[in-house]
Amino acid sequence: MKIESKLAQIGSLSEPKTGAVSFPVYQATAFRHPQLGQSTGFDYSRTKNPTRSVLEEAAAELECGDAGFACSSGMAALQTIFALFGQGDHLLVSLDLYGGTYRLLEQIMSRFGVTATYVDTNDLAALEEGRTEATKAVLIETPTNPLMMITDIAAVAAWAKSHGLLTIVDNTLLTPFFQRPIEHGADIVIHSATKYLGGHNDVLAGLIVTKGAELSTKMAILHNSIGAVLGPQDSWLLMRGMKTLALRMERHEYNATRVAEFLEQHMLVEQVYYPALAGHPGHDIQQRQSSGNTGIFSFRMTEAALVEPILRHIKLIAFAESLGGVESLMTYPAVQTHADIPEEIRMRVGVDDRLLRLSVGIEHVEDLIADLSNAFQLAYAETRTKAPAGASE
């Protein structure tokens, strides 16, 4: 089946006894054993739950992997993956990185002796320079958050494999509808399923998909042992959201492209970072390894003074963290999602005080453009009518 059909049919054939099209929520932590030494396959819900199992099987199929693991959040999924590594191990990580991932590596994993070097993962020479005898894996965000840098997954995965390293790809922004990293050689795919997979800003979840029996077995042990698993009700909510993923991603892409084109021509915008635009440096790689574009991008204003009034004047678009929901959200990365990254690193990458991130929802695109146009106009008027500092009233 095509991926649209796979998504729409998640769980619909998994309850043969009743024929339920919507797979039930098994709100149970314990399951009866038929007799000593026998199991129904479900013993304790942390290890395995029927509702979560249907979700995990769907995730593995969609990402072309061998096993799926549903976690209580995207960060819980990252922590579970990082538990593969221990004292003295080293990771190569995307330079432009979600702040929560940086925080987990630098404030938590560093205490357990795991270190990281942040490089442009599309630069094989930089990867080679950063590699040490202790390096165990490469962690890629593509596109990155928030500057939308693109990594050639196949090239990096081939390089990593030649050195015996794992390739881990965060596929949150594109989802398996547009990009399937395992098809390009990745070993592990991770999602903050809170975002596009859930799609409605109402469920917190993370997903891991692994390729290969040995790696899948290791991940199953970590998933059960750490125990940051997704509950049955949230598993059901996530499955329900994923059923409409194809429709939503198509609208997200259409709206984001139109809005990005509008901003690219606006006099108050210095630069737009969106891989769908022909001028984006990663455009060709993105076209080659993905079938579409995400609904999120960033843009840099001409001056920092415009940021606060824009965030105050947007109405349809919400000034809020997160991304990937049906509602449009705008974020100020420097003080929100990337606040834990040291300023000198943020500035070097380009996450400065003029950068805004926009998660474009599924509203009518003309309403979104009108909201931005109005907010920009009001912000510009305010910054031009304020009295100079120190001037008398």
Protein backbone atom coordinates (compact mmCIF):
# COMPACT_ATOMS: atom_id res chain seq x y z
CA MET A 1 0.00 0.00 0.00
CA LYS A 2 0.97 3.62 -0.48
CA ILE A 3 1.86 5.52 2.68
CA GLU A 4 -1.44 7.47 2.65
CA SER A 5 -3.35 4.17 2.97
CA LYS A 6 -1.00 2.83 5.65
CA LEU A 7 -1.55 5.96 7.72
CA ALA A 8 -5.34 5.98 7.38
CA GLN A 9 -5.56 2.29 8.29
CA ILE A 10 -3.39 2.34 11.44
CA GLY A 11 -4.95 -0.15 13.88
CA SER A 12 -8.07 -0.74 11.80
CA LEU A 13 -7.30 -4.44 11.18
CA SER A 14 -5.70 -5.16 14.55
CA GLU A 15 -8.83 -6.14 16.57
CA PRO A 16 -10.25 -9.23 14.82
CA LYS A 17 -12.40 -10.34 17.77
CA THR A 18 -14.71 -7.32 17.68
CA GLY A 19 -13.76 -5.82 14.31
CA ALA A 20 -13.23 -2.40 15.92
CA VAL A 21 -11.98 0.01 13.26
CA SER A 22 -10.52 2.28 15.94
CA PHE A 23 -8.19 0.11 18.01
CA PRO A 24 -9.24 0.07 21.69
CA VAL A 25 -7.44 1.73 24.58
CA TYR A 26 -6.20 -1.05 26.86
CA GLN A 27 -6.13 0.83 30.14
CA ALA A 28 -4.49 -2.04 32.00
CA THR A 29 -1.12 -2.43 33.69
CA ALA A 30 -1.33 -6.19 34.34
CA PHE A 31 -2.52 -9.15 32.26
CA ARG A 32 -3.56 -12.66 33.34
CA HIS A 33 -1.34 -15.61 32.58
CA PRO A 34 -3.21 -18.65 31.15
CA GLN A 35 -1.08 -20.90 33.36
CA LEU A 36 2.42 -21.18 34.79
CA GLY A 37 5.02 -20.61 32.08
CA GLN A 38 2.53 -19.20 29.58
CA SER A 39 1.81 -15.63 28.53
CA THR A 40 -0.62 -13.92 26.18
CA GLY A 41 2.34 -11.83 25.07
CA PHE A 42 1.37 -9.11 27.51
CA ASP A 43 2.54 -9.28 31.12
CA TYR A 44 3.13 -5.77 32.43
CA SER A 45 2.25 -2.56 30.62
CA ARG A 46 5.68 -0.93 30.97
CA THR A 47 7.11 -3.80 28.93
CA LYS A 48 4.27 -4.15 26.46
CA ASN A 49 0.74 -2.80 26.10
CA PRO A 50 -1.69 -3.76 23.29
CA THR A 51 -2.52 -0.17 22.34
CA ARG A 52 1.11 0.94 22.40
CA SER A 53 2.16 -2.15 20.44
CA VAL A 54 -0.13 -1.26 17.52
CA LEU A 55 1.37 2.24 17.44
CA GLU A 56 4.93 0.91 17.60
CA GLU A 57 4.32 -1.59 14.80
CA ALA A 58 2.87 1.19 12.63
CA ALA A 59 5.86 3.46 13.35
CA ALA A 60 8.33 0.72 12.35
CA GLU A 61 6.45 0.02 9.13
CA LEU A 62 6.15 3.68 8.17
CA GLU A 63 9.87 4.33 8.75
CA CYS A 64 10.93 1.05 7.06
CA GLY A 65 12.54 -0.18 10.27
CA ASP A 66 12.42 -3.43 12.24
CA ALA A 67 11.10 -2.23 15.60
CA GLY A 68 9.35 0.78 17.06
CA PHE A 69 9.36 2.15 20.61
CA ALA A 70 6.89 4.74 21.91
CA CYS A 71 8.14 7.00 24.69
CA SER A 72 6.55 9.53 27.02
CA SER A 73 8.12 12.49 25.14
CA GLY A 74 10.65 13.28 22.47
CA MET A 75 13.24 13.96 25.16
CA ALA A 76 12.47 10.59 26.78
CA ALA A 77 13.10 8.99 23.40
CA LEU A 78 16.45 10.79 23.13
CA GLN A 79 17.42 9.72 26.65
CA THR A 80 16.58 6.12 25.79
CA ILE A 81 18.78 6.28 22.68
CA PHE A 82 21.63 7.97 24.55
CA ALA A 83 21.56 5.10 27.06
CA LEU A 84 23.24 3.05 24.33
CA PHE A 85 26.39 4.98 25.21
CA GLY A 86 28.50 5.13 28.34
CA GLN A 87 31.64 6.39 30.07
CA GLY A 88 34.17 7.70 27.56
CA ASP A 89 31.92 7.52 24.50
CA HIS A 90 31.81 10.40 22.05
CA LEU A 91 29.11 11.60 19.64
CA LEU A 92 29.19 13.83 16.57
CA VAL A 93 26.10 16.04 16.55
CA SER A 94 24.48 18.57 14.21
CA LEU A 95 25.80 22.08 14.84
CA ASP A 96 22.39 23.78 14.54
CA LEU A 97 20.53 21.82 17.18
CA TYR A 98 17.31 21.89 19.18
CA GLY A 99 18.13 23.43 22.56
CA GLY A 100 16.63 20.55 24.55
CA THR A 101 18.97 18.07 22.86
CA TYR A 102 21.96 20.28 23.64
CA ARG A 103 20.83 20.58 27.27
CA LEU A 104 20.45 16.81 27.63
CA LEU A 105 23.92 16.20 26.20
CA GLU A 106 25.78 18.95 28.04
CA GLN A 107 24.02 18.97 31.42
CA ILE A 108 23.02 15.32 31.85
CA MET A 109 24.94 12.93 29.59
CA SER A 110 28.22 14.72 30.32
CA ARG A 111 27.84 13.63 33.96
CA PHE A 112 27.95 10.03 32.75
CA GLY A 113 31.08 10.57 30.70
CA VAL A 114 29.43 10.95 27.28
CA THR A 115 30.81 13.86 25.27
CA ALA A 116 29.70 15.53 22.03
CA THR A 117 31.27 17.61 19.28
CA TYR A 118 28.98 19.86 17.25
CA VAL A 119 29.74 20.05 13.54
CA ASP A 120 28.12 20.79 10.21
CA THR A 121 27.05 17.21 9.52
CA ASN A 122 26.86 17.87 5.79
CA ASP A 123 30.63 18.50 5.79
CA LEU A 124 32.35 15.10 5.68
CA ALA A 125 35.74 16.73 6.27
CA ALA A 126 34.40 18.32 9.46
CA LEU A 127 32.99 14.98 10.57
CA GLU A 128 36.33 13.30 9.93
CA GLU A 129 38.16 16.02 11.83
CA GLY A 130 35.77 15.66 14.78
CA ARG A 131 35.93 11.87 14.89
CA THR A 132 38.04 10.22 17.59
CA GLU A 133 38.70 6.65 18.64
CA ALA A 134 35.91 7.11 21.19
CA THR A 135 33.28 8.22 18.65
CA LYS A 136 30.30 5.86 18.55
CA ALA A 137 27.59 7.64 16.56
CA VAL A 138 26.49 10.61 14.47
CA LEU A 139 23.27 12.40 15.45
CA ILE A 140 21.71 14.34 12.60
CA GLU A 141 18.85 16.80 12.54
CA THR A 142 17.74 17.36 8.95
CA PRO A 143 16.30 19.88 8.49
CA THR A 144 17.80 21.42 11.60
CA ASN A 145 15.83 23.48 14.05
CA PRO A 146 15.64 26.45 13.60
CA LEU A 147 17.94 27.29 10.66
CA MET A 148 16.77 24.47 8.40
CA MET A 149 20.25 23.19 7.47
CA ILE A 150 20.09 20.03 5.34
CA THR A 151 22.33 16.98 5.67
CA ASP A 152 22.90 14.39 2.95
CA ILE A 153 21.77 11.36 4.96
CA ALA A 154 23.09 8.75 2.52
CA ALA A 155 26.55 10.32 2.39
CA VAL A 156 26.86 10.62 6.17
CA ALA A 157 25.44 7.14 6.79
CA ALA A 158 27.94 5.63 4.35
CA TRP A 159 30.80 7.52 6.01
CA ALA A 160 29.62 6.46 9.48
CA LYS A 161 29.29 2.83 8.44
CA SER A 162 32.83 2.84 7.08
CA HIS A 163 34.03 3.76 10.57
CA GLY A 164 31.69 1.43 12.46
CA LEU A 165 29.51 4.28 13.77
CA LEU A 166 25.75 4.42 14.23
CA THR A 167 23.74 6.99 12.29
CA ILE A 168 20.84 8.51 14.24
CA VAL A 169 18.46 10.85 12.43
CA ASP A 170 15.89 13.14 14.01
CA ASN A 171 13.04 13.03 11.47
CA THR A 172 10.59 15.14 13.48
CA LEU A 173 10.24 17.97 10.96
CA LEU A 174 9.59 15.89 7.84
CA THR A 175 7.96 12.72 9.23
CA PRO A 176 7.97 9.43 7.29
CA PHE A 177 5.42 10.94 4.90
CA PHE A 178 8.14 13.09 3.35
CA GLN A 179 11.42 11.42 4.42
CA ARG A 180 12.48 7.93 5.54
CA PRO A 181 16.11 8.07 6.75
CA ILE A 182 16.49 4.29 7.14
CA GLU A 183 16.03 3.98 3.36
CA HIS A 184 19.15 6.16 3.07
CA GLY A 185 21.24 4.11 5.49
CA ALA A 186 20.33 5.40 8.96
CA ASP A 187 20.30 2.94 11.87
CA ILE A 188 17.95 4.80 14.22
CA VAL A 189 15.19 7.33 13.58
CA ILE A 190 13.74 9.49 16.33
CA HIS A 191 10.64 11.68 16.46
CA SER A 192 9.24 14.17 18.85
CA ALA A 193 5.81 12.74 18.03
CA THR A 194 4.28 15.66 19.93
CA LYS A 195 4.83 17.63 16.74
CA TYR A 196 3.62 16.61 13.25
CA LEU A 197 2.79 12.99 14.01
CA GLY A 198 0.33 13.92 16.76
CA GLY A 199 -0.46 17.12 14.91
CA HIS A 200 -3.00 18.68 17.25
CA ASN A 201 -0.97 20.12 20.15
CA ASP A 202 -2.72 17.74 22.56
CA VAL A 203 -0.39 14.78 23.14
CA LEU A 204 3.21 14.55 24.41
CA ALA A 205 5.08 11.62 22.87
CA GLY A 206 8.31 10.36 21.34
CA LEU A 207 9.03 7.55 18.87
CA ILE A 208 12.16 5.53 18.13
CA VAL A 209 12.53 3.21 15.14
CA THR A 210 15.52 0.88 14.79
CA LYS A 211 16.96 -1.14 11.93
CA GLY A 212 18.59 -4.53 12.57
CA ALA A 213 17.83 -7.32 15.03
CA GLU A 214 20.75 -6.69 17.39
CA LEU A 215 20.13 -2.96 17.71
CA SER A 216 16.38 -3.53 18.10
CA THR A 217 16.98 -5.98 20.94
CA LYS A 218 19.28 -3.52 22.73
CA MET A 219 16.70 -0.76 22.36
CA ALA A 220 13.90 -2.99 23.68
CA ILE A 221 15.94 -3.67 26.84
CA LEU A 222 16.61 0.06 27.35
CA HIS A 223 12.99 1.01 26.65
CA ASN A 224 11.72 -1.44 29.25
CA SER A 225 14.48 -0.74 31.79
CA ILE A 226 14.33 3.07 31.68
CA GLY A 227 10.54 2.87 31.55
CA ALA A 228 9.76 6.24 29.98
CA VAL A 229 7.05 4.57 27.90
CA LEU A 230 3.95 6.07 26.35
CA GLY A 231 0.66 5.37 28.13
CA PRO A 232 -2.24 3.68 26.32
CA GLN A 233 -4.47 6.77 26.11
CA ASP A 234 -1.68 8.88 24.62
CA SER A 235 -0.80 6.01 22.27
CA TRP A 236 -4.38 6.05 21.01
CA LEU A 237 -4.35 9.84 20.59
CA LEU A 238 -1.11 9.62 18.63
CA MET A 239 -2.51 6.94 16.32
CA ARG A 240 -5.60 9.05 15.73
CA GLY A 241 -3.43 12.03 14.81
CA MET A 242 -1.26 9.96 12.46
CA LYS A 243 -4.28 8.83 10.45
CA THR A 244 -4.53 12.33 8.94
CA LEU A 245 -0.79 12.95 8.63
CA ALA A 246 -0.76 12.84 4.82
CA LEU A 247 -3.48 15.45 4.47
CA ARG A 248 -1.97 17.70 7.10
CA MET A 249 1.59 17.57 5.75
CA GLU A 250 0.41 18.47 2.27
CA ARG A 251 -1.40 21.53 3.63
CA HIS A 252 1.50 22.45 5.94
CA GLU A 253 3.88 22.38 2.98
CA TYR A 254 1.57 24.38 0.71
CA ASN A 255 0.91 27.06 3.34
CA ALA A 256 4.54 27.29 4.47
CA THR A 257 5.79 27.70 0.92
CA ARG A 258 3.31 30.49 0.20
CA VAL A 259 4.10 32.29 3.48
CA ALA A 260 7.86 31.88 2.99
CA GLU A 261 7.60 33.39 -0.49
CA PHE A 262 5.64 36.32 0.94
CA LEU A 263 8.25 36.93 3.66
CA GLU A 264 11.12 36.57 1.19
CA GLN A 265 9.80 39.66 -0.62
CA HIS A 266 8.96 41.72 2.48
CA MET A 267 11.10 44.81 3.11
CA LEU A 268 11.36 44.09 6.86
CA VAL A 269 12.72 40.55 6.38
CA GLU A 270 16.42 40.09 5.75
CA GLN A 271 16.48 36.33 5.11
CA VAL A 272 14.16 33.32 5.03
CA TYR A 273 15.43 29.83 5.89
CA TYR A 274 13.21 27.28 4.13
CA PRO A 275 14.49 24.37 1.99
CA ALA A 276 11.56 24.61 -0.46
CA LEU A 277 12.93 27.92 -1.72
CA ALA A 278 15.27 27.51 -4.69
CA GLY A 279 17.87 29.79 -3.10
CA HIS A 280 18.27 27.63 0.01
CA PRO A 281 21.78 26.04 0.07
CA GLY A 282 20.33 22.61 0.91
CA HIS A 283 17.53 22.74 -1.67
CA ASP A 284 19.00 20.17 -4.06
CA ILE A 285 19.83 17.64 -1.34
CA GLN A 286 16.37 18.08 0.14
CA GLN A 287 14.78 17.46 -3.26
CA ARG A 288 16.85 14.31 -3.69
CA GLN A 289 16.23 12.61 -0.36
CA SER A 290 12.74 13.86 0.52
CA SER A 291 9.43 13.97 -1.29
CA GLY A 292 8.27 17.23 0.27
CA ASN A 293 8.97 20.00 2.75
CA THR A 294 8.07 20.64 6.34
CA GLY A 295 5.69 23.33 7.55
CA ILE A 296 8.23 25.10 9.74
CA PHE A 297 10.89 27.66 8.84
CA SER A 298 12.75 30.62 10.30
CA PHE A 299 13.28 34.16 9.12
CA ARG A 300 15.48 37.04 10.21
CA MET A 301 14.10 40.54 10.63
CA THR A 302 16.06 43.59 9.52
CA GLU A 303 16.26 44.84 13.11
CA ALA A 304 15.76 43.36 16.57
CA ALA A 305 13.40 46.15 17.64
CA LEU A 306 10.69 44.70 15.39
CA VAL A 307 10.52 41.35 17.17
CA GLU A 308 8.64 42.29 20.33
CA PRO A 309 5.84 44.27 18.63
CA ILE A 310 5.41 41.58 15.97
CA LEU A 311 4.94 38.92 18.66
CA ARG A 312 2.48 41.23 20.43
CA HIS A 313 0.44 42.05 17.33
CA ILE A 314 -0.01 38.65 15.70
CA LYS A 315 -3.55 37.42 16.33
CA LEU A 316 -4.34 34.33 14.26
CA ILE A 317 -0.79 33.05 14.73
CA ALA A 318 -0.07 32.28 18.38
CA PHE A 319 3.12 33.34 20.14
CA ALA A 320 3.85 29.93 21.65
CA GLU A 321 6.49 27.21 21.76
CA SER A 322 6.27 23.88 19.95
CA LEU A 323 5.51 23.19 16.30
CA GLY A 324 3.74 20.82 13.94
CA GLY A 325 0.16 21.34 15.06
CA VAL A 326 -2.82 22.40 12.98
CA GLU A 327 -2.62 25.86 14.59
CA SER A 328 0.13 28.26 13.47
CA LEU A 329 2.68 29.14 16.17
CA MET A 330 5.51 31.65 16.23
CA THR A 331 8.54 31.24 18.47
CA TYR A 332 11.51 33.43 19.40
CA PRO A 333 14.32 30.81 19.54
CA ALA A 334 16.93 32.98 21.27
CA VAL A 335 14.86 33.19 24.47
CA GLN A 336 12.67 30.11 24.15
CA THR A 337 13.63 26.86 22.39
CA HIS A 338 17.37 27.62 22.27
CA ALA A 339 17.84 29.56 25.50
CA ASP A 340 20.00 26.77 26.99
CA ILE A 341 22.56 27.02 24.21
CA PRO A 342 25.37 29.46 25.16
CA GLU A 343 25.05 32.81 23.41
CA GLU A 344 28.40 32.56 21.63
CA ILE A 345 27.37 29.24 20.08
CA ARG A 346 23.91 30.54 19.13
CA MET A 347 25.37 33.63 17.53
CA ARG A 348 27.97 31.62 15.60
CA VAL A 349 25.25 29.41 14.15
CA GLY A 350 22.89 32.31 13.47
CA VAL A 351 20.26 32.04 16.23
CA ASP A 352 20.39 35.73 17.09
CA ASP A 353 17.97 38.32 18.50
CA ARG A 354 16.45 38.98 15.05
CA LEU A 355 15.46 35.39 14.27
CA LEU A 356 11.85 34.22 14.45
CA ARG A 357 10.56 30.67 13.86
CA LEU A 358 7.16 30.06 12.32
CA SER A 359 5.29 26.76 12.44
CA VAL A 360 2.71 27.20 9.71
CA GLY A 361 -0.60 25.48 10.44
CA ILE A 362 -3.48 24.45 8.21
CA GLU A 363 -5.49 27.69 8.34
CA HIS A 364 -6.26 29.46 5.07
CA VAL A 365 -2.98 30.82 3.78
CA GLU A 366 -4.43 34.23 2.91
CA ASP A 367 -5.49 34.71 6.53
CA LEU A 368 -1.98 33.83 7.71
CA ILE A 369 -0.37 36.27 5.30
CA ALA A 370 -2.84 38.99 6.32
CA ASP A 371 -2.04 38.40 10.00
CA LEU A 372 1.70 38.70 9.36
CA SER A 373 1.27 41.74 7.13
CA ASN A 374 -0.79 43.54 9.76
CA ALA A 375 1.63 42.68 12.59
CA PHE A 376 4.62 43.84 10.51
CA GLN A 377 2.90 47.09 9.62
CA LEU A 378 2.00 47.85 13.24
CA ALA A 379 5.48 46.87 14.46
CA TYR A 380 7.14 49.10 11.87
CA ALA A 381 4.90 52.03 12.82
CA GLU A 382 5.70 51.59 16.51
CA THR A 383 9.46 51.46 16.00
CA ARG A 384 9.35 54.63 13.90
CA THR A 385 7.22 56.70 16.29
CA LYS A 386 9.00 55.92 19.57
CA ALA A 387 10.80 58.86 21.08
CA PRO A 388 14.63 58.65 21.15
CA ALA A 389 16.10 57.38 24.40
CA GLY A 390 16.45 60.18 26.95
CA ALA A 391 14.16 62.58 25.09
CA SER A 392 11.76 64.61 27.22
CA GLU A 393 8.04 63.95 26.94
